[in-house]
Amino acid sequence: MLNIILKIIVVPIVLILASNLLPGVYFPYLYQPIVTGVVLAIVGHLLEWALLKKGAFWVTLGIDFVISAIFLYTFAYFYQDAYITVWGTVLTSAVLTAIEFLVHLWLIGSGRARKEPSI
């Protein structure tokens, strides 16, 4: 539960910072990176729940990067006056994936990552 709360806070903050600091990322209205960030946080949490386990660490990170990039690039077209370049998408997704790297290490190290069901 702590993981999803952390993501819902951190991912929108990263998108707001990216919009203000990176030339290829622009969300003119504050709600745009917040909504996009919350959706990405929920999708990322579901992805971790479905895939994250000790042997799938790097695969899960790779999928996180790809999903983040697809969502970011796609969502920008649904918002009025927002845009994101391919380079802006790659940089922002890389920052999000670096954060996910730390979260995944914590989840696996603490034993909170999904376990194989016991029958």
Protein backbone atom coordinates (compact mmCIF):
# COMPACT_ATOMS: atom_id res chain seq x y z
CA MET A 1 0.00 0.00 0.00
CA LEU A 2 2.86 2.35 0.78
CA ASN A 3 4.21 1.75 -2.73
CA ILE A 4 1.11 3.08 -4.52
CA ILE A 5 0.89 6.12 -2.24
CA LEU A 6 4.54 6.89 -2.86
CA LYS A 7 4.05 6.57 -6.63
CA ILE A 8 0.92 8.75 -6.65
CA ILE A 9 2.97 11.51 -5.02
CA VAL A 10 6.35 11.10 -6.75
CA VAL A 11 5.36 10.45 -10.39
CA PRO A 12 3.30 13.67 -10.80
CA ILE A 13 6.10 15.66 -9.13
CA VAL A 14 8.61 14.22 -11.61
CA LEU A 15 6.31 15.15 -14.51
CA ILE A 16 5.82 18.68 -13.16
CA LEU A 17 9.59 19.09 -12.82
CA ALA A 18 10.16 17.64 -16.31
CA SER A 19 7.65 20.10 -17.73
CA ASN A 20 9.44 23.01 -16.07
CA LEU A 21 13.04 21.88 -16.68
CA LEU A 22 13.17 19.91 -19.93
CA PRO A 23 12.72 21.75 -23.23
CA GLY A 24 10.95 18.79 -24.88
CA VAL A 25 8.25 18.40 -22.23
CA TYR A 26 5.44 20.91 -21.86
CA PHE A 27 2.26 20.66 -19.82
CA PRO A 28 0.73 24.15 -19.70
CA TYR A 29 -1.86 23.33 -17.03
CA LEU A 30 -1.03 21.82 -13.64
CA TYR A 31 -3.75 19.17 -13.83
CA GLN A 32 -2.15 17.59 -16.93
CA PRO A 33 1.02 16.19 -15.31
CA ILE A 34 -0.95 15.33 -12.17
CA VAL A 35 -3.55 13.26 -14.04
CA THR A 36 -0.89 11.66 -16.23
CA GLY A 37 1.26 10.93 -13.18
CA VAL A 38 -1.58 9.33 -11.23
CA VAL A 39 -2.48 7.12 -14.20
CA LEU A 40 1.19 6.15 -14.63
CA ALA A 41 1.45 5.41 -10.90
CA ILE A 42 -1.58 3.12 -11.00
CA VAL A 43 -0.39 1.34 -14.15
CA GLY A 44 3.11 0.98 -12.67
CA HIS A 45 1.69 -0.45 -9.46
CA LEU A 46 -0.41 -2.98 -11.37
CA LEU A 47 2.64 -3.89 -13.44
CA GLU A 48 4.69 -4.49 -10.30
CA TRP A 49 1.92 -6.57 -8.80
CA ALA A 50 1.74 -8.70 -11.94
CA LEU A 51 5.43 -9.04 -12.84
CA LEU A 52 7.82 -8.06 -10.06
CA LYS A 53 9.61 -10.93 -8.38
CA LYS A 54 13.23 -11.69 -7.67
CA GLY A 55 14.06 -13.25 -11.06
CA ALA A 56 12.24 -10.63 -13.15
CA PHE A 57 13.85 -7.45 -11.81
CA TRP A 58 15.43 -6.17 -15.04
CA VAL A 59 12.56 -7.32 -17.24
CA THR A 60 10.11 -5.43 -15.04
CA LEU A 61 12.28 -2.29 -15.21
CA GLY A 62 12.45 -2.53 -19.00
CA ILE A 63 8.70 -2.92 -19.26
CA ASP A 64 8.26 0.02 -16.85
CA PHE A 65 10.40 2.18 -19.13
CA VAL A 66 8.48 1.20 -22.28
CA ILE A 67 5.06 1.62 -20.67
CA SER A 68 6.05 5.01 -19.21
CA ALA A 69 7.29 6.19 -22.59
CA ILE A 70 4.16 5.04 -24.42
CA PHE A 71 1.82 6.62 -21.85
CA LEU A 72 3.72 9.91 -21.71
CA TYR A 73 3.97 10.28 -25.46
CA THR A 74 0.32 9.33 -25.97
CA PHE A 75 -1.20 11.32 -23.12
CA ALA A 76 0.40 14.59 -24.26
CA TYR A 77 -1.73 14.49 -27.41
CA PHE A 78 -4.96 14.34 -25.41
CA TYR A 79 -4.28 17.61 -23.59
CA GLN A 80 -4.80 21.05 -25.03
CA ASP A 81 -1.52 22.82 -25.83
CA ALA A 82 0.63 20.08 -24.25
CA TYR A 83 3.44 18.38 -26.13
CA ILE A 84 6.33 16.05 -25.55
CA THR A 85 9.14 15.24 -27.94
CA VAL A 86 10.65 11.80 -28.36
CA TRP A 87 13.77 12.98 -26.54
CA GLY A 88 11.65 14.48 -23.73
CA THR A 89 9.78 11.18 -23.49
CA VAL A 90 13.03 9.20 -23.25
CA LEU A 91 14.53 11.48 -20.60
CA THR A 92 11.40 11.60 -18.47
CA SER A 93 10.87 7.84 -18.74
CA ALA A 94 14.52 7.30 -17.79
CA VAL A 95 14.08 9.39 -14.62
CA LEU A 96 10.89 7.51 -13.75
CA THR A 97 12.64 4.18 -14.37
CA ALA A 98 15.57 5.21 -12.15
CA ILE A 99 13.09 5.88 -9.36
CA GLU A 100 11.40 2.54 -10.10
CA PHE A 101 14.81 0.88 -9.83
CA LEU A 102 15.11 2.06 -6.23
CA VAL A 103 11.50 1.16 -5.42
CA HIS A 104 11.91 -2.33 -6.92
CA LEU A 105 15.09 -2.91 -4.91
CA TRP A 106 13.22 -1.89 -1.77
CA LEU A 107 10.21 -4.08 -2.59
CA ILE A 108 12.31 -7.15 -3.30
CA GLY A 109 14.66 -6.53 -0.37
CA SER A 110 11.81 -6.05 2.07
CA GLY A 111 9.95 -9.11 0.82
CA ARG A 112 7.00 -7.01 -0.35
CA ALA A 113 7.32 -8.05 -3.99
CA ARG A 114 4.78 -10.50 -5.28
CA LYS A 115 5.39 -14.04 -4.17
CA GLU A 116 4.58 -17.16 -6.11
CA PRO A 117 1.26 -18.57 -4.92
CA SER A 118 1.57 -21.61 -2.71
CA ILE A 119 -0.77 -24.47 -3.43
